[in-house]
């Protein structure tokens, strides 16, 4: 189990709570898989992701949180789409800087 950090989000998948964490490794994996190695392309892709993109994002963030899960396992999982979107947004807030900091 990982230690909770700022930007961590939790999501229940198949009744189990998983930590989503945006790490440099997760960001690099997303840059490669969704952005074709281009961070600007990744940013554009994240503005309007497809469902398959959401699965890749979840996979990277779950791995950042310390768990390995395959895309096939995620496809077969019971995941609330609204909760997944909330958790992904919460994890990405780690990129935002605090005002006044």
Protein backbone atom coordinates (compact mmCIF):
# COMPACT_ATOMS: atom_id res chain seq x y z
CA UNK A 1 0.00 0.00 0.00
CA UNK A 2 1.27 3.47 -0.80
CA UNK A 3 1.41 6.45 1.50
CA UNK A 4 -1.15 9.17 0.72
CA UNK A 5 0.30 12.26 -0.95
CA UNK A 6 -1.12 15.54 -2.19
CA UNK A 7 -2.86 14.86 -5.48
CA UNK A 8 -3.68 11.23 -4.66
CA UNK A 9 -7.19 10.14 -5.51
CA UNK A 10 -9.09 7.00 -4.64
CA UNK A 11 -11.36 4.97 -6.89
CA UNK A 12 -13.29 1.81 -6.10
CA UNK A 13 -12.84 -0.84 -8.76
CA UNK A 14 -14.59 -4.17 -8.30
CA UNK A 15 -15.24 -3.20 -4.67
CA UNK A 16 -11.55 -2.53 -3.97
CA UNK A 17 -10.17 0.94 -3.28
CA UNK A 18 -7.24 1.85 -5.50
CA UNK A 19 -4.96 4.87 -5.22
CA UNK A 20 -4.50 6.98 -8.34
CA UNK A 21 -1.28 9.00 -8.36
CA UNK A 22 0.18 11.17 -11.10
CA UNK A 23 3.89 10.36 -10.98
CA UNK A 24 6.57 11.29 -13.49
CA UNK A 25 6.49 7.67 -14.63
CA UNK A 26 2.73 7.78 -15.12
CA UNK A 27 3.01 11.06 -17.01
CA UNK A 28 5.79 9.67 -19.21
CA UNK A 29 3.72 6.55 -19.96
CA UNK A 30 0.76 8.72 -20.95
CA UNK A 31 2.96 10.99 -23.06
CA UNK A 32 4.19 7.93 -24.95
CA UNK A 33 0.88 6.07 -25.33
CA UNK A 34 -1.50 8.98 -25.88
CA UNK A 35 0.78 11.74 -27.12
CA UNK A 36 3.09 9.74 -29.36
CA UNK A 37 6.04 11.03 -27.33
CA UNK A 38 4.91 14.66 -27.61
CA UNK A 39 3.77 16.43 -24.42
CA UNK A 40 1.82 19.07 -26.37
CA UNK A 41 -0.05 16.32 -28.23
CA UNK A 42 -0.79 14.65 -24.88
CA UNK A 43 -2.25 17.88 -23.48
CA UNK A 44 -4.54 18.18 -26.52
CA UNK A 45 -5.58 14.54 -26.22
CA UNK A 46 -6.43 15.00 -22.53
CA UNK A 47 -8.84 17.83 -23.39
CA UNK A 48 -11.23 15.39 -25.10
CA UNK A 49 -10.27 11.79 -24.26
CA UNK A 50 -11.98 8.75 -25.74
CA UNK A 51 -13.16 5.94 -23.45
CA UNK A 52 -10.13 3.87 -24.47
CA UNK A 53 -7.95 6.84 -23.46
CA UNK A 54 -9.62 6.90 -20.03
CA UNK A 55 -8.65 3.26 -19.53
CA UNK A 56 -5.02 4.05 -20.40
CA UNK A 57 -5.08 7.04 -18.05
CA UNK A 58 -6.54 4.93 -15.25
CA UNK A 59 -3.94 2.23 -15.84
CA UNK A 60 -1.06 4.74 -15.63
CA UNK A 61 -2.45 6.46 -12.52
CA UNK A 62 -3.12 3.15 -10.75
CA UNK A 63 0.43 2.08 -11.54
CA UNK A 64 1.62 5.43 -10.17
CA UNK A 65 -0.29 4.53 -7.01
CA UNK A 66 1.69 1.32 -6.69
CA UNK A 67 -0.52 -1.33 -8.30
CA UNK A 68 -0.23 -3.13 -11.62
CA UNK A 69 -3.40 -3.71 -13.59
CA UNK A 70 -3.83 -4.69 -17.22
CA UNK A 71 -6.04 -2.91 -19.72
CA UNK A 72 -8.00 -6.15 -20.17
CA UNK A 73 -8.62 -6.31 -16.41
CA UNK A 74 -9.83 -2.70 -16.43
CA UNK A 75 -12.13 -3.38 -19.40
CA UNK A 76 -13.73 -6.23 -17.44
CA UNK A 77 -13.99 -4.23 -14.21
CA UNK A 78 -16.95 -2.60 -12.53
CA UNK A 79 -15.98 1.09 -12.72
CA UNK A 80 -18.36 4.01 -12.20
CA UNK A 81 -17.61 6.39 -15.08
CA UNK A 82 -18.48 9.52 -13.10
CA UNK A 83 -16.32 8.47 -10.16
CA UNK A 84 -13.48 7.57 -12.52
CA UNK A 85 -13.63 11.01 -14.14
CA UNK A 86 -13.65 12.68 -10.71
CA UNK A 87 -10.68 10.63 -9.50
CA UNK A 88 -8.68 11.29 -12.68
CA UNK A 89 -9.32 15.03 -12.39
CA UNK A 90 -8.33 14.94 -8.72
CA UNK A 91 -5.07 13.15 -9.51
CA UNK A 92 -4.23 15.66 -12.26
CA UNK A 93 -4.73 18.54 -9.84
CA UNK A 94 -1.27 17.61 -8.54
CA UNK A 95 0.05 19.50 -11.58
CA UNK A 96 -1.69 22.71 -10.52
CA UNK A 97 0.31 25.15 -8.45
CA UNK A 98 -1.16 26.64 -5.33
CA UNK A 99 -1.81 30.37 -5.42
CA UNK A 100 0.33 32.27 -3.01
CA UNK A 101 2.83 29.43 -2.68
